[in-house]
C-alpha atoms as a PDB file:
ATOM      1  CA  MET A   1      -4.951   2.386 -22.466  1.00  0.00           C
ATOM      2  CA  ASN A   2      -6.960  -0.273 -22.894  1.00  0.00           C
ATOM      3  CA  THR A   3     -10.943   0.167 -21.560  1.00  0.00           C
ATOM      4  CA  ALA A   4     -12.629  -1.613 -19.790  1.00  0.00           C
ATOM      5  CA  PRO A   5     -16.303  -3.399 -21.213  1.00  0.00           C
ATOM      6  CA  ALA A   6     -19.324  -1.891 -20.796  1.00  0.00           C
ATOM      7  CA  PHE A   7     -20.322  -4.830 -18.706  1.00  0.00           C
ATOM      8  CA  TYR A   8     -18.111  -6.758 -16.096  1.00  0.00           C
ATOM      9  CA  SER A   9     -18.015 -10.608 -16.748  1.00  0.00           C
ATOM     10  CA  ILE A  10     -19.170 -12.480 -13.662  1.00  0.00           C
ATOM     11  CA  GLY A  11     -22.547 -10.750 -11.693  1.00  0.00           C
ATOM     12  CA  THR A  12     -26.157  -9.057 -13.089  1.00  0.00           C
ATOM     13  CA  PRO A  13     -25.272  -4.631 -14.022  1.00  0.00           C
ATOM     14  CA  GLY A  14     -27.174  -3.476 -10.647  1.00  0.00           C
ATOM     15  CA  THR A  15     -27.266  -6.562  -8.866  1.00  0.00           C
ATOM     16  CA  PRO A  16     -24.479  -6.955  -6.020  1.00  0.00           C
ATOM     17  CA  TRP A  17     -23.105 -10.512  -5.963  1.00  0.00           C
ATOM     18  CA  GLY A  18     -23.884 -13.656  -4.130  1.00  0.00           C
ATOM     19  CA  GLU A  19     -22.144 -16.669  -2.779  1.00  0.00           C
ATOM     20  CA  ALA A  20     -21.924 -18.135  -6.588  1.00  0.00           C
ATOM     21  CA  GLU A  21     -20.742 -14.692  -8.507  1.00  0.00           C
ATOM     22  CA  ARG A  22     -17.774 -14.183  -5.854  1.00  0.00           C
ATOM     23  CA  ALA A  23     -17.038 -18.449  -6.324  1.00  0.00           C
ATOM     24  CA  ALA A  24     -17.114 -17.330 -10.251  1.00  0.00           C
ATOM     25  CA  TRP A  25     -14.940 -14.914  -9.573  1.00  0.00           C
ATOM     26  CA  LEU A  26     -12.807 -16.595  -7.874  1.00  0.00           C
ATOM     27  CA  SER A  27     -12.503 -19.867  -9.933  1.00  0.00           C
ATOM     28  CA  GLN A  28     -11.232 -17.485 -12.743  1.00  0.00           C
ATOM     29  CA  GLN A  29      -7.792 -16.363 -10.279  1.00  0.00           C
ATOM     30  CA  THR A  30      -4.284 -17.624 -11.442  1.00  0.00           C
ATOM     31  CA  ARG A  31      -0.843 -18.184  -9.674  1.00  0.00           C
ATOM     32  CA  HIS A  32       1.276 -15.680 -11.829  1.00  0.00           C
ATOM     33  CA  ARG A  33       4.180 -15.467  -9.429  1.00  0.00           C
ATOM     34  CA  SER A  34       5.866 -16.930  -6.336  1.00  0.00           C
ATOM     35  CA  TYR A  35       5.289 -15.041  -2.395  1.00  0.00           C
ATOM     36  CA  ALA A  36       7.923 -17.701  -1.184  1.00  0.00           C
ATOM     37  CA  SER A  37      10.650 -17.554  -3.746  1.00  0.00           C
ATOM     38  CA  GLU A  38       9.754 -13.453  -4.575  1.00  0.00           C
ATOM     39  CA  VAL A  39       9.192 -11.567  -1.204  1.00  0.00           C
ATOM     40  CA  VAL A  40      10.085 -14.388   1.428  1.00  0.00           C
ATOM     41  CA  SER A  41      13.759 -15.099   0.208  1.00  0.00           C
ATOM     42  CA  LYS A  42      14.427 -11.484   0.137  1.00  0.00           C
ATOM     43  CA  ILE A  43      13.357 -10.863   3.582  1.00  0.00           C
ATOM     44  CA  GLU A  44      14.919 -14.291   4.625  1.00  0.00           C
ATOM     45  CA  SER A  45      17.922 -12.698   3.859  1.00  0.00           C
ATOM     46  CA  LEU A  46      18.054  -9.507   5.513  1.00  0.00           C
ATOM     47  CA  ARG A  47      17.588 -11.792   9.141  1.00  0.00           C
ATOM     48  CA  SER A  48      21.498 -11.048   9.407  1.00  0.00           C
ATOM     49  CA  ARG A  49      20.824  -7.458  10.173  1.00  0.00           C
ATOM     50  CA  PHE A  50      17.177  -7.037  11.295  1.00  0.00           C
ATOM     51  CA  ASP A  51      14.635  -9.044  13.784  1.00  0.00           C
ATOM     52  CA  MET A  52      11.552 -10.908  11.842  1.00  0.00           C
ATOM     53  CA  GLU A  53       8.578 -12.014  13.199  1.00  0.00           C
ATOM     54  CA  GLU A  54       5.587 -14.349  11.752  1.00  0.00           C
ATOM     55  CA  TYR A  55       2.988 -11.803  12.798  1.00  0.00           C
ATOM     56  CA  GLY A  56      -0.170 -13.765  11.114  1.00  0.00           C
ATOM     57  CA  ARG A  57      -0.567 -16.991   8.674  1.00  0.00           C
ATOM     58  CA  LEU A  58      -3.087 -17.111   6.000  1.00  0.00           C
ATOM     59  CA  GLU A  59      -5.075 -20.115   5.379  1.00  0.00           C
ATOM     60  CA  TYR A  60      -6.531 -19.586   1.605  1.00  0.00           C
ATOM     61  CA  GLY A  61      -7.503 -23.694   0.771  1.00  0.00           C
ATOM     62  CA  ASP A  62      -4.806 -25.595   1.044  1.00  0.00           C
ATOM     63  CA  GLU A  63      -2.861 -22.764   0.601  1.00  0.00           C
ATOM     64  CA  THR A  64      -0.426 -21.282   3.921  1.00  0.00           C
ATOM     65  CA  PHE A  65       1.130 -17.883   3.844  1.00  0.00           C
ATOM     66  CA  PRO A  66       3.038 -16.245   6.382  1.00  0.00           C
ATOM     67  CA  LEU A  67       2.643 -13.081   6.732  1.00  0.00           C
ATOM     68  CA  LEU A  68       6.114 -11.700   7.741  1.00  0.00           C
ATOM     69  CA  ALA A  69       7.416  -8.265   9.307  1.00  0.00           C
ATOM     70  CA  ILE A  70      11.250  -6.959  10.159  1.00  0.00           C
ATOM     71  CA  ARG A  71      11.447  -5.168  13.009  1.00  0.00           C
ATOM     72  CA  SER A  72      15.069  -3.242  13.712  1.00  0.00           C
ATOM     73  CA  ARG A  73      17.741  -5.288  15.579  1.00  0.00           C
ATOM     74  CA  ASP A  74      18.090  -2.649  18.806  1.00  0.00           C
ATOM     75  CA  TRP A  75      14.893  -2.313  18.972  1.00  0.00           C
ATOM     76  CA  ASN A  76      14.341   0.409  22.274  1.00  0.00           C
ATOM     77  CA  ASP A  77      11.371   1.808  23.281  1.00  0.00           C
ATOM     78  CA  ASP A  78      12.409   5.052  23.737  1.00  0.00           C
ATOM     79  CA  LEU A  79      13.161   6.040  20.249  1.00  0.00           C
ATOM     80  CA  PRO A  80       9.854   6.608  17.723  1.00  0.00           C
ATOM     81  CA  VAL A  81       8.521   4.293  15.852  1.00  0.00           C
ATOM     82  CA  VAL A  82       8.191   4.217  11.879  1.00  0.00           C
ATOM     83  CA  LEU A  83       5.909   1.631  10.384  1.00  0.00           C
ATOM     84  CA  VAL A  84       6.340   0.825   6.764  1.00  0.00           C
ATOM     85  CA  THR A  85       3.611  -0.606   5.328  1.00  0.00           C
ATOM     86  CA  GLY A  86       3.574  -2.553   1.256  1.00  0.00           C
ATOM     87  CA  GLY A  87       1.856  -4.613  -0.722  1.00  0.00           C
ATOM     88  CA  VAL A  88      -2.101  -4.297   0.778  1.00  0.00           C
ATOM     89  CA  HIS A  89      -2.549  -4.309  -2.835  1.00  0.00           C
ATOM     90  CA  GLY A  90      -0.994  -7.727  -3.643  1.00  0.00           C
ATOM     91  CA  TYR A  91      -0.533  -6.621  -7.129  1.00  0.00           C
ATOM     92  CA  GLU A  92       0.776  -3.120  -6.933  1.00  0.00           C
ATOM     93  CA  THR A  93       4.689  -4.212  -6.700  1.00  0.00           C
ATOM     94  CA  SER A  94       6.710  -1.821  -5.990  1.00  0.00           C
ATOM     95  CA  GLY A  95       4.872  -1.241  -2.633  1.00  0.00           C
ATOM     96  CA  VAL A  96       6.464  -4.999  -1.991  1.00  0.00           C
ATOM     97  CA  HIS A  97       9.690  -4.787  -3.418  1.00  0.00           C
ATOM     98  CA  GLY A  98      10.130  -0.849  -2.539  1.00  0.00           C
ATOM     99  CA  ALA A  99       9.327  -1.585   0.707  1.00  0.00           C
ATOM    100  CA  LEU A 100      12.439  -4.882   0.943  1.00  0.00           C
ATOM    101  CA  GLN A 101      14.959  -1.670  -1.050  1.00  0.00           C
ATOM    102  CA  PHE A 102      14.449   0.693   1.510  1.00  0.00           C
ATOM    103  CA  VAL A 103      15.383  -1.875   4.096  1.00  0.00           C
ATOM    104  CA  ASP A 104      18.298  -3.525   2.294  1.00  0.00           C
ATOM    105  CA  GLN A 105      20.281   0.060   1.596  1.00  0.00           C
ATOM    106  CA  HIS A 106      18.712   2.457   3.896  1.00  0.00           C
ATOM    107  CA  ALA A 107      17.299   1.203   6.845  1.00  0.00           C
ATOM    108  CA  ALA A 108      20.537   0.769   8.374  1.00  0.00           C
ATOM    109  CA  ASP A 109      20.642   4.656   8.463  1.00  0.00           C
ATOM    110  CA  TYR A 110      18.525   4.891  11.133  1.00  0.00           C
ATOM    111  CA  ALA A 111      19.599   2.997  13.697  1.00  0.00           C
ATOM    112  CA  GLY A 112      19.897   4.893  16.894  1.00  0.00           C
ATOM    113  CA  ARG A 113      17.648   7.408  15.481  1.00  0.00           C
ATOM    114  CA  VAL A 114      13.685   5.580  15.591  1.00  0.00           C
ATOM    115  CA  ASN A 115      12.472   2.065  15.614  1.00  0.00           C
ATOM    116  CA  LEU A 116      11.541   0.696  12.509  1.00  0.00           C
ATOM    117  CA  LEU A 117       8.734  -1.816  12.329  1.00  0.00           C
ATOM    118  CA  VAL A 118       8.549  -2.980   7.882  1.00  0.00           C
ATOM    119  CA  ALA A 119       5.339  -4.895   7.010  1.00  0.00           C
ATOM    120  CA  PRO A 120       6.678  -5.694   3.327  1.00  0.00           C
ATOM    121  CA  CYS A 121       3.217  -8.164   1.706  1.00  0.00           C
ATOM    122  CA  ILE A 122       0.273  -7.748   3.822  1.00  0.00           C
ATOM    123  CA  SER A 123      -1.506  -9.260   0.801  1.00  0.00           C
ATOM    124  CA  PRO A 124       1.045 -12.772   0.082  1.00  0.00           C
ATOM    125  CA  TRP A 125      -1.957 -14.309  -1.855  1.00  0.00           C
ATOM    126  CA  GLY A 126      -2.994 -11.345  -3.954  1.00  0.00           C
ATOM    127  CA  TYR A 127       0.520 -10.474  -4.573  1.00  0.00           C
ATOM    128  CA  GLU A 128       0.789 -14.124  -6.520  1.00  0.00           C
ATOM    129  CA  ARG A 129      -2.527 -13.308  -7.926  1.00  0.00           C
ATOM    130  CA  ILE A 130      -1.323 -10.082  -9.322  1.00  0.00           C
ATOM    131  CA  HIS A 131      -4.494  -8.858  -7.506  1.00  0.00           C
ATOM    132  CA  ARG A 132      -6.452  -6.187  -5.881  1.00  0.00           C
ATOM    133  CA  TRP A 133      -8.862  -8.004  -3.479  1.00  0.00           C
ATOM    134  CA  ASN A 134      -8.153 -11.637  -1.387  1.00  0.00           C
ATOM    135  CA  PRO A 135     -10.024 -14.871  -2.336  1.00  0.00           C
ATOM    136  CA  ASN A 136     -13.060 -13.923  -0.724  1.00  0.00           C
ATOM    137  CA  ALA A 137     -13.434 -10.430  -3.255  1.00  0.00           C
ATOM    138  CA  ILE A 138     -12.706  -8.411  -0.196  1.00  0.00           C
ATOM    139  CA  ASP A 139     -10.454  -5.133  -0.670  1.00  0.00           C
ATOM    140  CA  PRO A 140      -7.783  -5.129   2.502  1.00  0.00           C
ATOM    141  CA  ASN A 141      -7.639  -1.682   1.994  1.00  0.00           C
ATOM    142  CA  ARG A 142     -10.652  -0.567   3.107  1.00  0.00           C
ATOM    143  CA  SER A 143     -10.677  -3.428   5.971  1.00  0.00           C
ATOM    144  CA  PHE A 144      -8.362  -1.733   8.488  1.00  0.00           C
ATOM    145  CA  TYR A 145     -11.200  -1.377  11.698  1.00  0.00           C
ATOM    146  CA  ALA A 146     -11.967  -3.442  14.681  1.00  0.00           C
ATOM    147  CA  ASP A 147     -13.476  -7.137  13.688  1.00  0.00           C
ATOM    148  CA  SER A 148     -12.062  -6.750  10.061  1.00  0.00           C
ATOM    149  CA  PRO A 149     -13.599  -9.444   7.639  1.00  0.00           C
ATOM    150  CA  ALA A 150      -9.896  -9.683   5.525  1.00  0.00           C
ATOM    151  CA  GLU A 151      -7.255 -11.138   7.949  1.00  0.00           C
ATOM    152  CA  GLU A 152      -4.593  -9.372   5.549  1.00  0.00           C
ATOM    153  CA  SER A 153      -6.246  -5.973   7.396  1.00  0.00           C
ATOM    154  CA  ALA A 154      -6.842  -7.722  11.179  1.00  0.00           C
ATOM    155  CA  ALA A 155      -3.239  -9.203  11.174  1.00  0.00           C
ATOM    156  CA  LEU A 156      -1.338  -5.809  10.990  1.00  0.00           C
ATOM    157  CA  LEU A 157      -4.064  -4.187  13.371  1.00  0.00           C
ATOM    158  CA  ARG A 158      -2.405  -6.917  15.789  1.00  0.00           C
ATOM    159  CA  LEU A 159       0.615  -6.244  14.804  1.00  0.00           C
ATOM    160  CA  VAL A 160       0.564  -2.727  15.810  1.00  0.00           C
ATOM    161  CA  ALA A 161      -1.462  -2.659  18.627  1.00  0.00           C
ATOM    162  CA  PRO A 162       1.421  -2.755  21.182  1.00  0.00           C
ATOM    163  CA  VAL A 163       2.687   0.841  19.365  1.00  0.00           C
ATOM    164  CA  VAL A 164      -0.368   2.002  17.759  1.00  0.00           C
ATOM    165  CA  ASP A 165       0.360   5.467  19.668  1.00  0.00           C
ATOM    166  CA  CYS A 166       4.150   5.382  19.220  1.00  0.00           C
ATOM    167  CA  VAL A 167       4.258   5.609  15.879  1.00  0.00           C
ATOM    168  CA  VAL A 168       5.516   9.217  14.551  1.00  0.00           C
ATOM    169  CA  MET A 169       5.628   7.738  10.849  1.00  0.00           C
ATOM    170  CA  HIS A 170       3.782   5.753   9.233  1.00  0.00           C
ATOM    171  CA  ILE A 171       3.947   5.457   4.811  1.00  0.00           C
ATOM    172  CA  ASP A 172       2.102   2.786   3.497  1.00  0.00           C
ATOM    173  CA  LEU A 173       3.611   2.031  -0.630  1.00  0.00           C
ATOM    174  CA  HIS A 174       0.639   1.136  -3.231  1.00  0.00           C
ATOM    175  CA  GLU A 175       0.606   1.890  -7.190  1.00  0.00           C
ATOM    176  CA  THR A 176      -1.982   3.099  -9.550  1.00  0.00           C
ATOM    177  CA  THR A 177      -1.754   1.127 -12.810  1.00  0.00           C
ATOM    178  CA  ASP A 178      -4.067   0.629 -15.840  1.00  0.00           C
ATOM    179  CA  THR A 179      -5.748  -1.969 -14.331  1.00  0.00           C
ATOM    180  CA  ASP A 180      -7.086  -0.234 -11.838  1.00  0.00           C
ATOM    181  CA  GLU A 181      -9.444   1.229 -14.834  1.00  0.00           C
ATOM    182  CA  THR A 182      -9.549  -1.878 -17.352  1.00  0.00           C
ATOM    183  CA  GLU A 183     -10.153  -4.456 -14.201  1.00  0.00           C
ATOM    184  CA  PHE A 184     -10.318  -3.300 -10.743  1.00  0.00           C
ATOM    185  CA  ARG A 185     -13.371  -0.495 -10.740  1.00  0.00           C
ATOM    186  CA  PRO A 186     -15.417  -2.521 -12.678  1.00  0.00           C
ATOM    187  CA  ALA A 187     -15.004  -5.539 -10.655  1.00  0.00           C
ATOM    188  CA  LEU A 188     -16.021  -3.782  -7.912  1.00  0.00           C
ATOM    189  CA  ALA A 189     -19.002  -1.609  -9.464  1.00  0.00           C
ATOM    190  CA  ALA A 190     -19.799  -4.960 -10.695  1.00  0.00           C
ATOM    191  CA  ARG A 191     -19.174  -6.638  -7.027  1.00  0.00           C
ATOM    192  CA  ASP A 192     -21.263  -4.361  -5.701  1.00  0.00           C
ATOM    193  CA  GLY A 193     -24.374  -4.261  -8.362  1.00  0.00           C
ATOM    194  CA  LYS A 194     -23.100  -0.197  -8.866  1.00  0.00           C
ATOM    195  CA  PRO A 195     -22.781   1.329 -12.203  1.00  0.00           C
ATOM    196  CA  PHE A 196     -19.206   1.561 -14.362  1.00  0.00           C
ATOM    197  CA  THR A 197     -18.096   5.118 -14.515  1.00  0.00           C
ATOM    198  CA  PRO A 198     -14.843   5.517 -16.585  1.00  0.00           C
ATOM    199  CA  GLY A 199     -12.143   7.699 -15.308  1.00  0.00           C
ATOM    200  CA  GLY A 200      -8.335   8.044 -15.921  1.00  0.00           C
ATOM    201  CA  VAL A 201      -5.551   6.755 -14.904  1.00  0.00           C
ATOM    202  CA  PRO A 202      -2.742   9.805 -14.223  1.00  0.00           C
ATOM    203  CA  ASP A 203       0.664   9.611 -15.627  1.00  0.00           C
ATOM    204  CA  GLY A 204       3.013  10.100 -12.159  1.00  0.00           C
ATOM    205  CA  PHE A 205       3.963   9.680  -8.858  1.00  0.00           C
ATOM    206  CA  TYR A 206       1.809  11.298  -6.409  1.00  0.00           C
ATOM    207  CA  LEU A 207       0.378  11.012  -2.346  1.00  0.00           C
ATOM    208  CA  VAL A 208      -2.942  11.015  -0.738  1.00  0.00           C
ATOM    209  CA  ASP A 209      -2.703  12.667   3.074  1.00  0.00           C
ATOM    210  CA  ASP A 210      -5.092  12.863   5.514  1.00  0.00           C
ATOM    211  CA  SER A 211      -8.002  14.482   4.998  1.00  0.00           C
ATOM    212  CA  GLU A 212      -8.498  14.547   9.018  1.00  0.00           C
ATOM    213  CA  ASN A 213      -5.329  15.640  10.120  1.00  0.00           C
ATOM    214  CA  PRO A 214      -3.347  16.760   7.357  1.00  0.00           C
ATOM    215  CA  GLN A 215       0.341  17.559   7.249  1.00  0.00           C
ATOM    216  CA  PRO A 216       0.872  19.551   3.892  1.00  0.00           C
ATOM    217  CA  GLU A 217       4.434  20.486   4.115  1.00  0.00           C
ATOM    218  CA  PHE A 218       5.101  16.221   5.396  1.00  0.00           C
ATOM    219  CA  GLN A 219       3.737  16.015   1.803  1.00  0.00           C
ATOM    220  CA  GLN A 220       5.597  18.622  -0.228  1.00  0.00           C
ATOM    221  CA  ALA A 221       8.542  17.030   1.331  1.00  0.00           C
ATOM    222  CA  VAL A 222       8.212  13.707  -0.183  1.00  0.00           C
ATOM    223  CA  ILE A 223       7.055  14.711  -3.341  1.00  0.00           C
ATOM    224  CA  ALA A 224      10.287  16.823  -3.509  1.00  0.00           C
ATOM    225  CA  ALA A 225      12.371  13.836  -2.546  1.00  0.00           C
ATOM    226  CA  VAL A 226      10.429  11.347  -4.896  1.00  0.00           C
ATOM    227  CA  GLU A 227      10.505  13.897  -8.206  1.00  0.00           C
ATOM    228  CA  LYS A 228      14.712  13.428  -8.655  1.00  0.00           C
ATOM    229  CA  VAL A 229      14.050   9.826  -9.393  1.00  0.00           C
ATOM    230  CA  THR A 230      11.081   9.935 -11.152  1.00  0.00           C
ATOM    231  CA  HIS A 231       7.776  13.200 -12.082  1.00  0.00           C
ATOM    232  CA  ILE A 232       4.622  13.858 -10.854  1.00  0.00           C
ATOM    233  CA  ALA A 233       1.731  13.088 -11.700  1.00  0.00           C
ATOM    234  CA  PRO A 234       0.042  16.244 -13.137  1.00  0.00           C
ATOM    235  CA  ALA A 235      -3.662  17.133 -12.190  1.00  0.00           C
ATOM    236  CA  ASP A 236      -6.140  16.370 -14.634  1.00  0.00           C
ATOM    237  CA  ASP A 237      -8.571  19.324 -15.980  1.00  0.00           C
ATOM    238  CA  ASN A 238     -10.222  19.730 -13.529  1.00  0.00           C
ATOM    239  CA  ASN A 239      -7.861  19.984 -11.543  1.00  0.00           C
ATOM    240  CA  GLU A 240      -8.395  16.026  -9.990  1.00  0.00           C
ATOM    241  CA  ILE A 241      -6.217  13.448  -9.825  1.00  0.00           C
ATOM    242  CA  ILE A 242      -8.494   9.526  -9.271  1.00  0.00           C
ATOM    243  CA  GLY A 243     -11.916  12.075  -8.878  1.00  0.00           C
ATOM    244  CA  SER A 244     -10.641  13.991  -5.534  1.00  0.00           C
ATOM    245  CA  PRO A 245      -8.811  17.818  -6.009  1.00  0.00           C
ATOM    246  CA  VAL A 246      -5.085  18.484  -5.944  1.00  0.00           C
ATOM    247  CA  VAL A 247      -5.091  20.062  -2.786  1.00  0.00           C
ATOM    248  CA  ALA A 248      -1.078  20.598  -3.505  1.00  0.00           C
ATOM    249  CA  ARG A 249       1.556  19.869  -6.269  1.00  0.00           C
ATOM    250  CA  GLY A 250       1.345  15.367  -6.683  1.00  0.00           C
ATOM    251  CA  VAL A 251      -1.011  15.250  -3.443  1.00  0.00           C
ATOM    252  CA  ILE A 252      -4.945  14.732  -3.131  1.00  0.00           C
ATOM    253  CA  GLU A 253      -6.807  13.902   0.494  1.00  0.00           C
ATOM    254  CA  TYR A 254      -9.125  10.571   2.005  1.00  0.00           C
ATOM    255  CA  PRO A 255     -10.248  10.750   5.474  1.00  0.00           C
ATOM    256  CA  LEU A 256      -8.060   7.694   6.294  1.00  0.00           C
ATOM    257  CA  LYS A 257      -9.768   6.373   9.047  1.00  0.00           C
ATOM    258  CA  LYS A 258     -13.275   7.371   7.706  1.00  0.00           C
ATOM    259  CA  LEU A 259     -12.117   4.517   4.628  1.00  0.00           C
ATOM    260  CA  GLY A 260     -10.857   2.232   6.252  1.00  0.00           C
ATOM    261  CA  LEU A 261      -7.326   2.240   4.490  1.00  0.00           C
ATOM    262  CA  CYS A 262      -4.011   0.952   5.779  1.00  0.00           C
ATOM    263  CA  ALA A 263      -2.393   4.566   6.238  1.00  0.00           C
ATOM    264  CA  SER A 264      -5.250   5.186   9.594  1.00  0.00           C
ATOM    265  CA  VAL A 265      -3.978   2.113  11.205  1.00  0.00           C
ATOM    266  CA  THR A 266      -1.727   4.517  13.928  1.00  0.00           C
ATOM    267  CA  ASN A 267      -1.948   7.913  15.459  1.00  0.00           C
ATOM    268  CA  ALA A 268       0.882   8.985  13.754  1.00  0.00           C
ATOM    269  CA  THR A 269       1.699  12.711  13.363  1.00  0.00           C
ATOM    270  CA  TYR A 270       3.249  11.689   9.725  1.00  0.00           C
ATOM    271  CA  LYS A 271       0.526   9.431   7.548  1.00  0.00           C
ATOM    272  CA  THR A 272       1.041   9.359   3.756  1.00  0.00           C
ATOM    273  CA  THR A 273      -0.350   6.809   1.047  1.00  0.00           C
ATOM    274  CA  THR A 274       2.387   6.462  -1.911  1.00  0.00           C
ATOM    275  CA  GLU A 275       1.386   5.898  -5.670  1.00  0.00           C
ATOM    276  CA  VAL A 276       3.902   5.402  -8.877  1.00  0.00           C
ATOM    277  CA  TYR A 277       2.816   4.619 -11.932  1.00  0.00           C
ATOM    278  CA  PRO A 278       4.524   2.099 -12.994  1.00  0.00           C
ATOM    279  CA  ASP A 279       3.107   1.665 -16.365  1.00  0.00           C
ATOM    280  CA  SER A 280       4.017   4.983 -17.537  1.00  0.00           C
ATOM    281  CA  PRO A 281       6.492   5.186 -20.842  1.00  0.00           C
ATOM    282  CA  ARG A 282       8.430   7.431 -18.244  1.00  0.00           C
ATOM    283  CA  ALA A 283       8.713   5.068 -15.531  1.00  0.00           C
ATOM    284  CA  THR A 284      10.974   1.321 -14.829  1.00  0.00           C
ATOM    285  CA  PRO A 285      10.510  -1.286 -12.437  1.00  0.00           C
ATOM    286  CA  GLU A 286      13.665  -0.077 -11.406  1.00  0.00           C
ATOM    287  CA  GLN A 287      12.466   3.567 -10.829  1.00  0.00           C
ATOM    288  CA  CYS A 288       9.749   2.689  -9.307  1.00  0.00           C
ATOM    289  CA  ASN A 289      11.207   0.736  -6.424  1.00  0.00           C
ATOM    290  CA  THR A 290      13.182   3.362  -5.691  1.00  0.00           C
ATOM    291  CA  ALA A 291      11.426   6.051  -5.373  1.00  0.00           C
ATOM    292  CA  GLN A 292       8.941   3.794  -3.018  1.00  0.00           C
ATOM    293  CA  ALA A 293      12.621   3.946  -1.296  1.00  0.00           C
ATOM    294  CA  VAL A 294      13.513   8.006  -1.396  1.00  0.00           C
ATOM    295  CA  ALA A 295      10.108   8.474  -0.261  1.00  0.00           C
ATOM    296  CA  VAL A 296      10.424   6.630   2.546  1.00  0.00           C
ATOM    297  CA  CYS A 297      13.312   7.602   3.703  1.00  0.00           C
ATOM    298  CA  ALA A 298      11.914  11.709   3.107  1.00  0.00           C
ATOM    299  CA  ALA A 299       9.201  11.054   5.364  1.00  0.00           C
ATOM    300  CA  ILE A 300      11.651   9.333   8.236  1.00  0.00           C
ATOM    301  CA  GLU A 301      13.622  12.516   8.002  1.00  0.00           C
ATOM    302  CA  TYR A 302      11.004  14.514   7.915  1.00  0.00           C
ATOM    303  CA  ALA A 303       9.692  13.639  11.298  1.00  0.00           C
ATOM    304  CA  LEU A 304      12.898  13.926  12.605  1.00  0.00           C
ATOM    305  CA  ALA A 305      13.417  17.256  11.575  1.00  0.00           C
ATOM    306  CA  HIS A 306       9.908  18.187  12.843  1.00  0.00           C
ATOM    307  CA  GLY A 307      10.056  17.319  16.198  1.00  0.00           C
ATOM    308  CA  GLU A 308       9.750  13.969  16.723  1.00  0.00           C
ATOM    309  CA  GLN A 309      13.536  13.085  17.581  1.00  0.00           C
ATOM    310  CA  VAL A 310      14.398  11.911  20.497  1.00  0.00           C
END
């Protein structure tokens, strides 16, 4: 794995970025792939089986990105709602394509059992640039709160507002990559004028539970299902994963709402954030997508089996 440079290429160590530094950072971002051809086209291919909703539209310079959600066709207000989100960090590819794989291959299995609401690519600009932030150098996954500075986050909050108390399970699909350590964490430290402390990148799948409402049995049910298709990240020598104590095999905890994380946007009993490791020599992109889809299925099945059925 490559190591990060001692100092990030933009800014002055110890000084938070101003407008000039943010502009310099933005000037370095280039488009690597197409949201329209790789994501929107797949969503459109599902239109014959599911309802679609444009829940927002991002305007960045001369670029426009429709924000699209997929809903169960026969939405029934008497059924519980399940929320699946992906692509909050646009560079985390399997979060997007794992969500779409779930809809394509598995969503029909839950017809008449739950209402599905899927937002597969919350950050399309980030998807195209293969980046964690939006063009304002804001991390959408620290911005899910009222008056959010990230339009990606604000749009999702508006989408879920009518069902915020009806959602029984929310699974947010992410990846941890080598570039977290070589690019994104150093950039974050530089942006905020803080020192960068090198860390490790866990090799394997893990979950982030809500420390304010932990559901350990739920998390382990997802881990048990996913380990059939990809390996689970071990704890490091400090019994941690990315600096957080491992509370159970493959599970750490964050205070979701306090940190403004996507998994905090509803009042669901069951919440989790998945993290796959696509850079592992033991995992393929197909495995990563499948791990995400399997995690969604296991999470729904657990919620339905533990007091959330109609």
